[in-house]
Amino acid sequence: MLILMLACALAGCAEQTEQAAASKLSQSVQPSAEPIPAFALEVLEMRQGDTVSLEDCFAENFSSDGALWYASSDEAVALVNERREIVAVGAGECILSFVHENASGELKIQVTGMPEAPGVHIEQAYLALEPGQEGQLSCRLSREVQGQAVWSSNDESVATVDSQGRVVAVGKGTARVSAQAGEYQDSVAVWVTSSKPYAPLGEITAPRFQKKDGIWQNPDASDTGEASILLTGDLMCLSSQQYAAKSGKSYNYNSSFQLVRGIFAKGDFVVGNLETCLSYSSPYTAAEKTVQDNPHCNAQATFLDAVRYAGYDAVVTANNHAGDTGTMGLYETVQMLDTYLIAHTGTFTRAGEPRFLLADVNGIKVAVLSYTEILNTKYGELAIPDAQKSLLIRRYSEENVRADVAAAREAGAEFIIAYNHWGVENTHDYTEKQEQHAQQMADAGVDFIAGSHSHCLQGPKIITAADGRSVPCIFSMGNFVSGMGREINNDTVILKLDLVRKEDEIELKNVGYIPCKVFVEYGDGHHVIVPTSAALNGGKTSSSLSAAHDRIAKVMKGEDVFAEIRELG
């Protein structure tokens, strides 16, 4: 076989034959004595979608004339096409081996992320400074961009920037600092305040999911092709919760999640709706319930200690309270989420960010989208300019959903979950408009729809998409934790979505729910989420839990879309 293949190569056989024989030849064909190095570099760094000519990788004294064979250790990362170009296929590392009549060698190839869009790209997501402090911004230009970037600030009373990207904080407020080269521009937020966030309750350790090449991944997971996704409703932090969480000079909310963190630990990816700001330059809700006669939801950053304690991997942030603390408060909320290393989507600090988060869950690529149809109106200092709202907060529209679904699919998403903040508060009944928008999301390619805003449960429904897919929708999961006092506000569920890979398709195998009730006081804890099933709450039974179970079952029955989960395997 080897002699035949060599004969074919010397006779000028097609390159396809060379590629088919590559793996065997790379092991069995040896160059002549004292081979010359084939490559000018040891490591080739590429971005997904890039191509590089083989000729550009060879050493100057190497000629590729004559027989040449090559083999990739992982063609899902990189391969050589018929034009003898190295093609970056997907993120990862591989070894490209070469065998030649008088040379051989190996070239390590490192492929990162999705192809970068043409333009100017500022490396930092934002800057938070105190008056008088300095910060450094840097940017890179894609290959299509000519010249150098020119820096500017839209408000030099807040922050100035020099030609090298050095930012000086001047006075309290927010500014956008831009870098422009030709027709391309990128900008980031700079906010200046003398306020300080509450220190974390403990060390912020590496989370279960960590971001690499734009994808949140669990380095300890394996590609099993099966994934359990847990979803919850609103994570509120109202004044009564803040009063109860006061602990010395800080706030500790961990006790709210003491009975559900074991359940979350058995899920592969856990998501909730963060319905509070985390601004340290605005008053907290306990100190000021309303601002400019509008509801004001703002919690201490230590609320995220509890979110991490509970076991959440990600949160969505597009809701009517996202702008309660103004532009600066929104930036600070994003900053706190980044500080606590929590994946998030729904509110943003820059134009170029993907409007979704993408997670690799046991080998299944899951995208999460976040929208709001409602936004509290603020005035004066807390008003977010209309021109910034579309940049900072993802609003619902059919066009936005279609664009985000397309972008998520292009990034590799195999299953798409969309949270939407919609509907009418304090009613189990969903509206005709919600049904219309659910249909739009399903038709756009969303695979599962999770609703919020009503502060109570609204039942499930199966939406038949235009392409025939059956798309489950729950119009509202209600409050998951809250200080709202009414019975209707304290019935809640944990949704469990079981995904499985079937050949090249991802199947939603099961959808179940765990009924829960929030108790204002429970043992030594406050605003504690308690599963109604004794098998899931440590053996507790009571008339309150039984009544909550019956109320929840009545709402969730719907079209018998979801099955109740009483025990976890």
Protein backbone atom coordinates (compact mmCIF):
# COMPACT_ATOMS: atom_id res chain seq x y z
CA MET A 1 0.00 0.00 0.00
CA LEU A 2 2.76 2.44 0.97
CA ILE A 3 4.67 1.78 -2.29
CA LEU A 4 1.51 2.27 -4.28
CA MET A 5 0.75 5.56 -2.53
CA LEU A 6 4.30 6.83 -3.06
CA ALA A 7 4.09 5.88 -6.70
CA CYS A 8 0.85 7.77 -7.06
CA ALA A 9 2.30 10.84 -5.41
CA LEU A 10 5.41 10.80 -7.65
CA ALA A 11 3.18 10.40 -10.66
CA GLY A 12 1.26 13.51 -9.64
CA CYS A 13 -1.87 11.97 -8.18
CA ALA A 14 -4.61 14.32 -7.08
CA GLU A 15 -4.30 16.14 -3.77
CA GLN A 16 -7.33 14.28 -2.50
CA THR A 17 -5.30 11.09 -2.62
CA GLU A 18 -2.50 12.78 -0.71
CA GLN A 19 -4.95 13.84 2.03
CA ALA A 20 -6.53 10.40 2.26
CA ALA A 21 -3.11 8.89 2.81
CA ALA A 22 -1.91 11.56 5.21
CA SER A 23 -2.42 9.82 8.51
CA LYS A 24 -0.59 6.67 7.42
CA LEU A 25 2.19 8.48 5.60
CA SER A 26 2.89 10.80 8.50
CA GLN A 27 3.72 7.72 10.57
CA SER A 28 5.48 5.57 7.99
CA VAL A 29 7.25 7.85 5.49
CA GLN A 30 10.57 9.15 6.70
CA PRO A 31 12.55 11.95 5.07
CA SER A 32 16.12 11.49 3.96
CA ALA A 33 18.98 11.74 6.44
CA GLU A 34 19.48 15.08 8.17
CA PRO A 35 16.09 16.57 7.18
CA ILE A 36 15.77 20.31 7.06
CA PRO A 37 13.12 22.04 9.24
CA ALA A 38 9.94 22.57 7.28
CA PHE A 39 8.49 25.44 9.32
CA ALA A 40 9.38 28.97 10.20
CA LEU A 41 7.33 28.91 13.45
CA GLU A 42 6.40 26.46 16.19
CA VAL A 43 2.88 27.72 16.95
CA LEU A 44 0.33 29.19 14.55
CA GLU A 45 -2.45 31.19 16.23
CA MET A 46 -5.68 31.50 14.27
CA ARG A 47 -9.27 32.55 14.78
CA GLN A 48 -12.15 30.32 13.76
CA GLY A 49 -12.84 30.77 10.04
CA ASP A 50 -9.36 32.08 9.19
CA THR A 51 -7.24 30.55 6.44
CA VAL A 52 -3.45 30.63 6.10
CA SER A 53 -1.47 29.41 3.12
CA LEU A 54 0.96 26.56 3.82
CA GLU A 55 3.61 28.47 1.88
CA ASP A 56 3.47 31.24 4.52
CA CYS A 57 4.36 28.73 7.25
CA PHE A 58 7.36 27.14 5.57
CA ALA A 59 10.96 28.04 6.37
CA GLU A 60 12.77 30.19 3.77
CA ASN A 61 15.11 27.38 2.74
CA PHE A 62 12.30 24.86 2.30
CA SER A 63 10.80 24.11 -1.07
CA SER A 64 7.41 22.43 -1.27
CA ASP A 65 8.13 21.12 -4.75
CA GLY A 66 7.81 17.37 -4.99
CA ALA A 67 5.77 14.99 -2.88
CA LEU A 68 4.24 16.52 0.26
CA TRP A 69 1.87 14.90 2.74
CA TYR A 70 0.15 16.38 5.76
CA ALA A 71 -2.18 15.23 8.49
CA SER A 72 -4.15 17.02 11.23
CA SER A 73 -4.50 15.43 14.66
CA ASP A 74 -8.00 16.95 14.94
CA GLU A 75 -9.79 18.14 11.81
CA ALA A 76 -12.54 19.62 13.97
CA VAL A 77 -9.93 22.23 14.95
CA ALA A 78 -7.90 22.70 11.73
CA LEU A 79 -7.31 20.98 8.40
CA VAL A 80 -5.62 21.56 5.05
CA ASN A 81 -7.93 22.11 2.08
CA GLU A 82 -7.40 21.29 -1.59
CA ARG A 83 -5.72 24.68 -2.14
CA ARG A 84 -3.15 23.81 0.53
CA GLU A 85 -4.50 26.37 2.95
CA ILE A 86 -4.71 25.74 6.67
CA VAL A 87 -8.36 26.26 7.66
CA ALA A 88 -9.31 27.06 11.29
CA VAL A 89 -12.48 25.02 11.82
CA GLY A 90 -13.23 25.30 15.54
CA ALA A 91 -11.75 26.44 18.84
CA GLY A 92 -9.03 24.23 20.30
CA GLU A 93 -5.52 22.91 19.63
CA CYS A 94 -4.19 20.38 17.15
CA ILE A 95 -0.94 19.25 15.56
CA LEU A 96 -0.41 19.52 11.81
CA SER A 97 2.22 16.97 10.70
CA PHE A 98 4.20 17.27 7.45
CA VAL A 99 6.24 14.67 5.58
CA HIS A 100 8.35 15.64 2.56
CA GLU A 101 11.09 14.14 0.49
CA ASN A 102 13.72 16.11 2.41
CA ALA A 103 11.91 17.66 5.36
CA SER A 104 9.36 16.95 8.07
CA GLY A 105 7.99 18.43 11.21
CA GLU A 106 5.00 19.35 13.30
CA LEU A 107 3.17 22.64 13.63
CA LYS A 108 0.99 23.36 16.66
CA ILE A 109 -2.19 25.23 15.72
CA GLN A 110 -4.24 27.14 18.29
CA VAL A 111 -7.71 28.25 17.18
CA THR A 112 -9.79 30.69 19.23
CA GLY A 113 -13.36 31.94 19.13
CA MET A 114 -15.55 33.03 16.27
CA PRO A 115 -14.18 35.12 13.42
CA GLU A 116 -13.69 38.68 14.56
CA ALA A 117 -15.86 41.27 12.86
CA PRO A 118 -13.98 43.89 10.87
CA GLY A 119 -13.38 47.04 12.87
CA VAL A 120 -11.89 48.59 15.98
CA HIS A 121 -12.09 46.49 19.13
CA ILE A 122 -11.47 47.99 22.58
CA GLU A 123 -10.11 45.27 24.83
CA GLN A 124 -11.83 46.40 28.07
CA ALA A 125 -15.59 46.19 28.60
CA TYR A 126 -15.70 49.31 30.84
CA LEU A 127 -13.76 51.38 33.37
CA ALA A 128 -14.87 52.28 36.90
CA LEU A 129 -12.80 55.07 38.48
CA GLU A 130 -12.79 57.50 41.36
CA PRO A 131 -12.25 61.23 40.74
CA GLY A 132 -8.57 61.82 39.99
CA GLN A 133 -7.83 58.18 39.18
CA GLU A 134 -6.36 57.06 35.88
CA GLY A 135 -7.14 54.03 33.79
CA GLN A 136 -5.71 52.56 30.61
CA LEU A 137 -7.72 51.46 27.58
CA SER A 138 -6.27 49.55 24.67
CA CYS A 139 -7.66 48.53 21.31
CA ARG A 140 -6.80 46.36 18.35
CA LEU A 141 -7.58 46.85 14.68
CA SER A 142 -8.73 44.05 12.43
CA ARG A 143 -6.79 43.39 9.25
CA GLU A 144 -9.30 45.37 7.19
CA VAL A 145 -8.67 48.61 9.11
CA GLN A 146 -6.01 51.05 7.98
CA GLY A 147 -4.23 53.68 10.07
CA GLN A 148 -4.32 54.27 13.82
CA ALA A 149 -7.16 54.65 16.28
CA VAL A 150 -8.09 58.14 17.48
CA TRP A 151 -9.42 58.33 21.05
CA SER A 152 -12.16 60.67 22.29
CA SER A 153 -14.55 61.19 25.22
CA ASN A 154 -18.14 62.36 24.82
CA ASP A 155 -18.06 64.16 28.20
CA GLU A 156 -14.73 65.56 29.33
CA SER A 157 -16.28 66.88 32.54
CA VAL A 158 -16.49 63.21 33.56
CA ALA A 159 -13.40 61.69 31.91
CA THR A 160 -10.70 62.67 29.43
CA VAL A 161 -8.62 60.40 27.23
CA ASP A 162 -5.31 61.00 25.48
CA SER A 163 -3.97 59.67 22.19
CA GLN A 164 -2.66 56.51 23.87
CA GLY A 165 -5.96 55.55 25.53
CA ARG A 166 -5.01 56.84 29.00
CA VAL A 167 -8.21 57.88 30.80
CA VAL A 168 -8.33 60.45 33.61
CA ALA A 169 -11.44 60.60 35.83
CA VAL A 170 -12.50 64.23 36.30
CA GLY A 171 -15.90 64.29 37.99
CA LYS A 172 -18.83 62.07 39.01
CA GLY A 173 -20.94 60.77 36.16
CA THR A 174 -20.76 58.56 33.10
CA ALA A 175 -19.00 59.05 29.79
CA ARG A 176 -18.38 56.99 26.69
CA VAL A 177 -14.82 56.80 25.45
CA SER A 178 -14.42 55.90 21.78
CA ALA A 179 -11.64 54.67 19.53
CA GLN A 180 -12.09 55.38 15.80
CA ALA A 181 -10.10 54.43 12.73
CA GLY A 182 -11.59 55.37 9.38
CA GLU A 183 -15.22 54.29 9.25
CA TYR A 184 -14.86 51.92 12.21
CA GLN A 185 -15.47 52.78 15.85
CA ASP A 186 -15.83 51.09 19.21
CA SER A 187 -16.74 52.67 22.55
CA VAL A 188 -16.92 51.69 26.20
CA ALA A 189 -18.45 53.13 29.32
CA VAL A 190 -16.40 55.03 31.88
CA TRP A 191 -18.13 55.90 35.13
CA VAL A 192 -16.75 57.95 37.95
CA THR A 193 -17.95 57.72 41.54
CA SER A 194 -16.46 57.95 45.01
CA SER A 195 -18.87 55.32 46.36
CA LYS A 196 -17.70 51.81 47.18
CA PRO A 197 -19.54 48.48 46.83
CA TYR A 198 -19.91 46.21 49.84
CA ALA A 199 -17.02 43.79 49.97
CA PRO A 200 -17.82 40.16 49.08
CA LEU A 201 -18.61 37.97 52.06
CA GLY A 202 -15.74 35.66 51.16
CA GLU A 203 -13.21 34.88 48.49
CA ILE A 204 -14.65 34.85 44.98
CA THR A 205 -13.48 31.47 43.75
CA ALA A 206 -13.55 30.19 40.18
CA PRO A 207 -17.15 29.37 39.24
CA ARG A 208 -18.34 26.08 37.82
CA PHE A 209 -18.61 27.68 34.36
CA GLN A 210 -15.75 29.78 33.03
CA LYS A 211 -15.64 31.82 29.84
CA LYS A 212 -13.23 30.75 27.12
CA ASP A 213 -13.30 31.98 23.54
CA GLY A 214 -16.74 33.50 24.07
CA ILE A 215 -18.30 30.28 25.43
CA TRP A 216 -19.05 29.50 29.07
CA GLN A 217 -17.66 26.03 29.79
CA ASN A 218 -17.37 23.69 32.76
CA PRO A 219 -13.79 22.38 32.65
CA ASP A 220 -14.75 19.45 34.89
CA ALA A 221 -17.60 18.26 32.67
CA SER A 222 -17.38 15.67 29.93
CA ASP A 223 -19.18 15.52 26.57
CA THR A 224 -21.92 13.12 27.61
CA GLY A 225 -24.46 14.46 25.15
CA GLU A 226 -27.00 14.82 27.97
CA ALA A 227 -27.70 17.96 29.97
CA SER A 228 -30.07 19.00 32.75
CA ILE A 229 -30.92 22.73 32.64
CA LEU A 230 -32.60 24.34 35.68
CA LEU A 231 -34.51 27.62 35.29
CA THR A 232 -36.09 29.89 37.90
CA GLY A 233 -38.07 33.09 37.95
CA ASP A 234 -37.42 36.43 39.62
CA LEU A 235 -34.57 36.93 42.06
CA MET A 236 -35.97 39.96 43.91
CA CYS A 237 -34.27 41.84 46.72
CA LEU A 238 -36.84 44.19 48.25
CA SER A 239 -36.67 46.30 51.40
CA SER A 240 -37.94 43.57 53.77
CA GLN A 241 -35.29 41.18 52.43
CA GLN A 242 -32.59 43.79 52.96
CA TYR A 243 -33.71 44.52 56.53
CA ALA A 244 -33.64 40.79 57.32
CA ALA A 245 -30.24 40.25 55.66
CA LYS A 246 -28.49 42.99 57.65
CA SER A 247 -25.53 41.33 59.37
CA GLY A 248 -23.11 43.62 61.19
CA LYS A 249 -21.73 46.03 58.63
CA SER A 250 -22.81 43.93 55.67
CA TYR A 251 -25.75 41.94 54.24
CA ASN A 252 -26.01 38.15 54.02
CA TYR A 253 -28.79 36.61 51.92
CA ASN A 254 -27.51 33.03 51.84
CA SER A 255 -30.23 31.55 54.06
CA SER A 256 -32.87 32.13 51.38
CA PHE A 257 -31.36 29.36 49.28
CA GLN A 258 -30.40 26.82 51.97
CA LEU A 259 -33.00 24.22 50.88
CA VAL A 260 -32.62 24.50 47.10
CA ARG A 261 -28.84 24.64 46.67
CA GLY A 262 -28.70 20.81 46.88
CA ILE A 263 -31.20 20.64 43.99
CA PHE A 264 -29.20 23.16 41.95
CA ALA A 265 -26.04 21.13 42.54
CA LYS A 266 -27.65 18.23 40.65
CA GLY A 267 -28.34 20.39 37.61
CA ASP A 268 -25.75 20.89 34.89
CA PHE A 269 -26.55 24.57 34.23
CA VAL A 270 -28.70 26.87 36.40
CA VAL A 271 -30.24 30.18 35.25
CA GLY A 272 -32.45 32.79 36.97
CA ASN A 273 -33.85 36.28 36.35
CA LEU A 274 -31.96 38.91 38.39
CA GLU A 275 -34.66 41.51 39.01
CA THR A 276 -32.67 44.08 40.93
CA CYS A 277 -29.88 46.55 40.27
CA LEU A 278 -26.61 46.28 42.17
CA SER A 279 -25.55 49.91 42.09
CA TYR A 280 -23.26 51.15 44.84
CA SER A 281 -23.64 54.80 43.86
CA SER A 282 -27.45 54.76 44.27
CA PRO A 283 -29.53 54.35 47.45
CA TYR A 284 -30.54 50.80 48.31
CA THR A 285 -34.20 49.90 48.38
CA ALA A 286 -34.28 49.65 52.17
CA ALA A 287 -33.23 53.30 52.33
CA GLU A 288 -35.34 54.56 49.46
CA LYS A 289 -38.19 52.45 48.09
CA THR A 290 -39.10 54.87 45.32
CA VAL A 291 -37.11 57.36 43.28
CA GLN A 292 -38.95 60.08 41.41
CA ASP A 293 -42.21 58.31 42.32
CA ASN A 294 -41.10 55.13 40.56
CA PRO A 295 -40.36 51.71 42.06
CA HIS A 296 -36.72 51.40 42.98
CA CYS A 297 -35.08 47.98 43.07
CA ASN A 298 -31.46 48.17 44.15
CA ALA A 299 -29.60 45.65 46.30
CA GLN A 300 -26.19 45.32 47.86
CA ALA A 301 -23.59 43.49 45.81
CA THR A 302 -23.46 40.80 48.50
CA PHE A 303 -26.78 39.53 47.10
CA LEU A 304 -24.52 37.91 44.51
CA ASP A 305 -22.77 35.99 47.29
CA ALA A 306 -26.13 34.29 47.81
CA VAL A 307 -26.62 33.78 44.07
CA ARG A 308 -23.23 32.02 43.96
CA TYR A 309 -24.02 30.15 47.21
CA ALA A 310 -27.28 28.89 45.69
CA GLY A 311 -25.47 27.49 42.66
CA TYR A 312 -26.61 29.75 39.83
CA ASP A 313 -24.33 29.62 36.81
CA ALA A 314 -25.97 32.50 34.93
CA VAL A 315 -28.59 35.22 35.25
CA VAL A 316 -30.64 37.24 32.79
CA THR A 317 -30.97 40.96 33.44
CA ALA A 318 -33.41 42.46 30.91
CA ASN A 319 -36.45 43.49 32.96
CA ASN A 320 -38.42 46.59 33.89
CA HIS A 321 -36.07 47.36 36.80
CA ALA A 322 -32.86 47.22 34.75
CA GLY A 323 -32.72 51.02 34.52
CA ASP A 324 -33.91 51.84 38.06
CA THR A 325 -30.52 53.28 39.05
CA GLY A 326 -29.84 55.10 35.78
CA THR A 327 -27.03 54.62 33.33
CA MET A 328 -24.28 54.56 35.97
CA GLY A 329 -26.22 52.06 38.08
CA LEU A 330 -26.66 49.76 35.11
CA TYR A 331 -22.92 49.87 34.45
CA GLU A 332 -22.23 49.14 38.12
CA THR A 333 -24.61 46.18 38.04
CA VAL A 334 -22.73 44.70 35.10
CA GLN A 335 -19.46 45.39 36.91
CA MET A 336 -20.64 43.51 40.01
CA LEU A 337 -21.75 40.51 37.95
CA ASP A 338 -18.35 40.44 36.29
CA THR A 339 -16.61 40.80 39.66
CA TYR A 340 -18.50 37.77 40.98
CA LEU A 341 -17.73 35.87 37.74
CA ILE A 342 -21.41 35.19 37.00
CA ALA A 343 -22.43 34.69 33.37
CA HIS A 344 -25.13 37.15 32.32
CA THR A 345 -27.02 38.60 29.38
CA GLY A 346 -29.80 41.15 28.87
CA THR A 347 -27.98 44.38 29.78
CA PHE A 348 -24.79 45.53 28.11
CA THR A 349 -22.05 48.14 28.23
CA ARG A 350 -20.94 48.17 24.60
CA ALA A 351 -22.35 47.82 21.13
CA GLY A 352 -20.25 44.90 19.93
CA GLU A 353 -21.24 42.42 22.63
CA PRO A 354 -23.26 39.37 21.53
CA ARG A 355 -26.89 39.73 22.65
CA PHE A 356 -26.90 36.21 24.08
CA LEU A 357 -24.76 34.02 26.27
CA LEU A 358 -23.52 30.68 25.00
CA ALA A 359 -22.72 27.77 27.31
CA ASP A 360 -21.25 24.37 26.56
CA VAL A 361 -23.22 22.04 28.83
CA ASN A 362 -21.81 18.51 28.67
CA GLY A 363 -21.05 18.96 24.99
CA ILE A 364 -24.39 20.59 24.10
CA LYS A 365 -24.21 24.26 23.08
CA VAL A 366 -27.03 26.12 24.88
CA ALA A 367 -27.76 29.81 24.17
CA VAL A 368 -29.75 32.03 26.55
CA LEU A 369 -31.49 35.20 25.33
CA SER A 370 -33.06 37.89 27.53
CA TYR A 371 -35.67 40.54 26.64
CA THR A 372 -38.01 42.98 28.35
CA GLU A 373 -41.20 44.52 27.01
CA ILE A 374 -41.50 46.88 29.98
CA LEU A 375 -39.08 49.48 31.33
CA ASN A 376 -39.72 51.82 34.26
CA THR A 377 -39.67 55.48 33.26
CA LYS A 378 -37.13 57.57 35.12
CA TYR A 379 -36.51 61.29 35.01
CA GLY A 380 -33.69 63.67 35.85
CA GLU A 381 -30.33 62.19 36.76
CA LEU A 382 -31.62 58.61 36.61
CA ALA A 383 -33.08 58.86 33.12
CA ILE A 384 -31.36 56.68 30.55
CA PRO A 385 -31.24 58.64 27.28
CA ASP A 386 -33.44 57.10 24.59
CA ALA A 387 -30.42 56.77 22.31
CA GLN A 388 -28.71 54.55 24.91
CA LYS A 389 -31.66 52.32 25.85
CA SER A 390 -31.29 50.07 22.81
CA LEU A 391 -27.56 49.73 23.54
CA LEU A 392 -27.85 49.07 27.27
CA ILE A 393 -31.04 47.00 27.63
CA ARG A 394 -32.26 44.33 25.22
CA ARG A 395 -35.84 45.23 24.38
CA TYR A 396 -38.26 42.75 22.88
CA SER A 397 -38.99 42.95 19.17
CA GLU A 398 -39.47 40.27 16.57
CA GLU A 399 -36.50 41.70 14.67
CA ASN A 400 -34.24 41.53 17.72
CA VAL A 401 -35.19 37.92 18.39
CA ARG A 402 -34.56 36.87 14.79
CA ALA A 403 -31.19 38.62 14.76
CA ASP A 404 -30.14 37.09 18.08
CA VAL A 405 -31.26 33.58 17.14
CA ALA A 406 -29.34 33.81 13.86
CA ALA A 407 -26.21 35.06 15.64
CA ALA A 408 -26.48 32.35 18.31
CA ARG A 409 -26.87 29.62 15.69
CA GLU A 410 -23.87 30.96 13.80
CA ALA A 411 -21.88 30.82 17.05
CA GLY A 412 -22.78 27.14 17.40
CA ALA A 413 -25.95 27.16 19.53
CA GLU A 414 -27.87 23.88 19.35
CA PHE A 415 -30.66 24.73 21.82
CA ILE A 416 -31.95 28.26 22.48
CA ILE A 417 -33.78 29.43 25.62
CA ALA A 418 -35.41 32.87 25.62
CA TYR A 419 -36.46 34.74 28.75
CA ASN A 420 -39.04 37.45 28.15
CA HIS A 421 -40.26 40.01 30.70
CA TRP A 422 -43.89 40.66 29.74
CA GLY A 423 -47.56 40.48 30.71
CA VAL A 424 -49.66 41.78 33.59
CA GLU A 425 -48.66 41.65 37.25
CA ASN A 426 -50.41 39.58 39.93
CA THR A 427 -52.58 37.43 37.71
CA HIS A 428 -52.29 33.81 36.60
CA ASP A 429 -53.79 34.74 33.23
CA TYR A 430 -51.51 35.45 30.30
CA THR A 431 -52.58 37.86 27.58
CA GLU A 432 -53.24 37.54 23.87
CA LYS A 433 -50.19 39.74 23.25
CA GLN A 434 -47.98 37.31 25.19
CA GLU A 435 -49.28 34.45 23.04
CA GLN A 436 -48.54 36.46 19.88
CA HIS A 437 -45.00 37.20 20.98
CA ALA A 438 -44.44 33.59 22.05
CA GLN A 439 -45.44 32.55 18.54
CA GLN A 440 -42.98 35.06 17.08
CA MET A 441 -40.15 33.70 19.23
CA ALA A 442 -40.95 30.11 18.28
CA ASP A 443 -41.13 31.02 14.59
CA ALA A 444 -37.76 32.79 14.91
CA GLY A 445 -36.11 29.56 16.08
CA VAL A 446 -36.29 29.70 19.90
CA ASP A 447 -36.56 26.20 21.43
CA PHE A 448 -37.91 27.07 24.91
CA ILE A 449 -39.62 30.22 26.25
CA ALA A 450 -39.49 31.26 29.92
CA GLY A 451 -41.50 34.27 31.08
CA SER A 452 -41.32 36.69 33.99
CA HIS A 453 -42.73 39.99 35.31
CA SER A 454 -46.14 38.97 36.68
CA HIS A 455 -44.64 38.08 40.11
CA CYS A 456 -46.78 34.97 40.08
CA LEU A 457 -47.07 31.77 38.09
CA GLN A 458 -48.65 31.79 34.63
CA GLY A 459 -49.21 28.41 33.07
CA PRO A 460 -47.49 26.55 30.27
CA LYS A 461 -48.45 26.07 26.64
CA ILE A 462 -47.02 24.28 23.63
CA ILE A 463 -46.40 26.65 20.71
CA THR A 464 -46.29 25.13 17.23
CA ALA A 465 -43.59 26.97 15.29
CA ALA A 466 -43.82 27.79 11.60
CA ASP A 467 -41.37 24.96 10.84
CA GLY A 468 -43.47 22.45 12.78
CA ARG A 469 -41.39 22.32 15.96
CA SER A 470 -43.19 22.05 19.30
CA VAL A 471 -41.86 24.84 21.54
CA PRO A 472 -42.79 24.71 25.25
CA CYS A 473 -43.55 28.06 26.86
CA ILE A 474 -44.22 28.99 30.48
CA PHE A 475 -45.60 32.51 30.51
CA SER A 476 -44.28 33.27 33.99
CA MET A 477 -42.26 31.36 36.55
CA GLY A 478 -43.20 33.90 39.22
CA ASN A 479 -40.95 35.16 42.00
CA PHE A 480 -38.31 32.70 43.04
CA VAL A 481 -37.33 34.76 46.06
CA SER A 482 -39.05 37.95 47.13
CA GLY A 483 -40.28 40.08 50.00
CA MET A 484 -43.70 40.49 48.40
CA GLY A 485 -46.24 39.44 50.97
CA ARG A 486 -49.23 38.07 49.09
CA GLU A 487 -49.84 34.34 48.73
CA ILE A 488 -49.92 34.59 44.94
CA ASN A 489 -46.40 36.09 44.97
CA ASN A 490 -44.80 33.30 46.97
CA ASP A 491 -45.73 30.22 44.95
CA THR A 492 -42.93 29.35 42.57
CA VAL A 493 -41.24 26.54 40.64
CA ILE A 494 -37.87 25.27 39.52
CA LEU A 495 -38.05 24.10 35.91
CA LYS A 496 -35.93 21.15 34.79
CA LEU A 497 -35.18 20.71 31.09
CA ASP A 498 -33.53 17.42 30.12
CA LEU A 499 -31.65 17.61 26.81
CA VAL A 500 -30.16 14.68 24.94
CA ARG A 501 -28.19 14.44 21.71
CA LYS A 502 -29.78 12.15 19.12
CA GLU A 503 -27.30 11.88 16.25
CA ASP A 504 -26.94 15.49 15.05
CA GLU A 505 -30.09 16.79 16.78
CA ILE A 506 -30.76 18.00 20.32
CA GLU A 507 -33.99 16.63 21.76
CA LEU A 508 -35.87 18.11 24.70
CA LYS A 509 -36.50 14.76 26.32
CA ASN A 510 -38.37 15.87 29.44
CA VAL A 511 -39.67 19.06 31.04
CA GLY A 512 -40.51 18.93 34.72
CA TYR A 513 -41.15 21.33 37.58
CA ILE A 514 -40.42 21.34 41.30
CA PRO A 515 -43.10 23.27 43.24
CA CYS A 516 -41.77 25.60 45.95
CA LYS A 517 -43.06 28.20 48.39
CA VAL A 518 -41.25 31.21 49.84
CA PHE A 519 -41.61 31.60 53.63
CA VAL A 520 -40.88 34.99 55.18
CA GLU A 521 -39.45 33.19 58.21
CA TYR A 522 -38.30 29.59 58.21
CA GLY A 523 -36.19 28.32 61.10
CA ASP A 524 -33.30 30.73 61.45
CA GLY A 525 -33.66 31.96 57.86
CA HIS A 526 -35.65 34.69 56.16
CA HIS A 527 -37.43 34.55 52.81
CA VAL A 528 -36.53 30.88 52.44
CA ILE A 529 -37.49 28.94 49.30
CA VAL A 530 -38.94 25.59 50.40
CA PRO A 531 -39.78 22.75 47.95
CA THR A 532 -43.27 21.40 48.70
CA SER A 533 -42.12 17.78 48.39
CA ALA A 534 -40.82 16.30 51.65
CA ALA A 535 -38.30 14.27 49.62
CA LEU A 536 -36.73 17.50 48.42
CA ASN A 537 -36.96 19.72 51.51
CA GLY A 538 -35.43 17.52 54.19
CA GLY A 539 -38.62 15.75 55.24
CA LYS A 540 -40.77 18.78 56.09
CA THR A 541 -44.55 18.65 55.72
CA SER A 542 -47.17 21.22 56.63
CA SER A 543 -50.59 22.44 55.63
CA SER A 544 -48.96 25.54 54.09
CA LEU A 545 -46.77 23.40 51.85
CA SER A 546 -49.69 21.15 50.88
CA ALA A 547 -51.87 24.14 50.02
CA ALA A 548 -49.06 25.71 47.98
CA HIS A 549 -48.55 22.43 46.14
CA ASP A 550 -52.23 22.28 45.17
CA ARG A 551 -52.31 25.91 44.01
CA ILE A 552 -49.19 25.43 41.89
CA ALA A 553 -50.46 22.17 40.37
CA LYS A 554 -53.67 23.91 39.32
CA VAL A 555 -51.75 26.65 37.46
CA MET A 556 -49.14 24.32 35.99
CA LYS A 557 -51.60 21.72 34.72
CA GLY A 558 -52.32 23.76 31.59
CA GLU A 559 -51.99 21.40 28.66
CA ASP A 560 -50.13 18.86 30.79
CA VAL A 561 -46.93 20.21 29.26
CA PHE A 562 -44.76 19.79 32.35
CA ALA A 563 -44.66 16.92 34.81
CA GLU A 564 -44.23 17.48 38.54
CA ILE A 565 -40.93 16.32 40.03
CA ARG A 566 -41.24 14.98 43.58
CA GLU A 567 -37.83 13.29 43.81
CA LEU A 568 -34.49 13.67 42.07
CA GLY A 569 -32.64 10.60 40.95
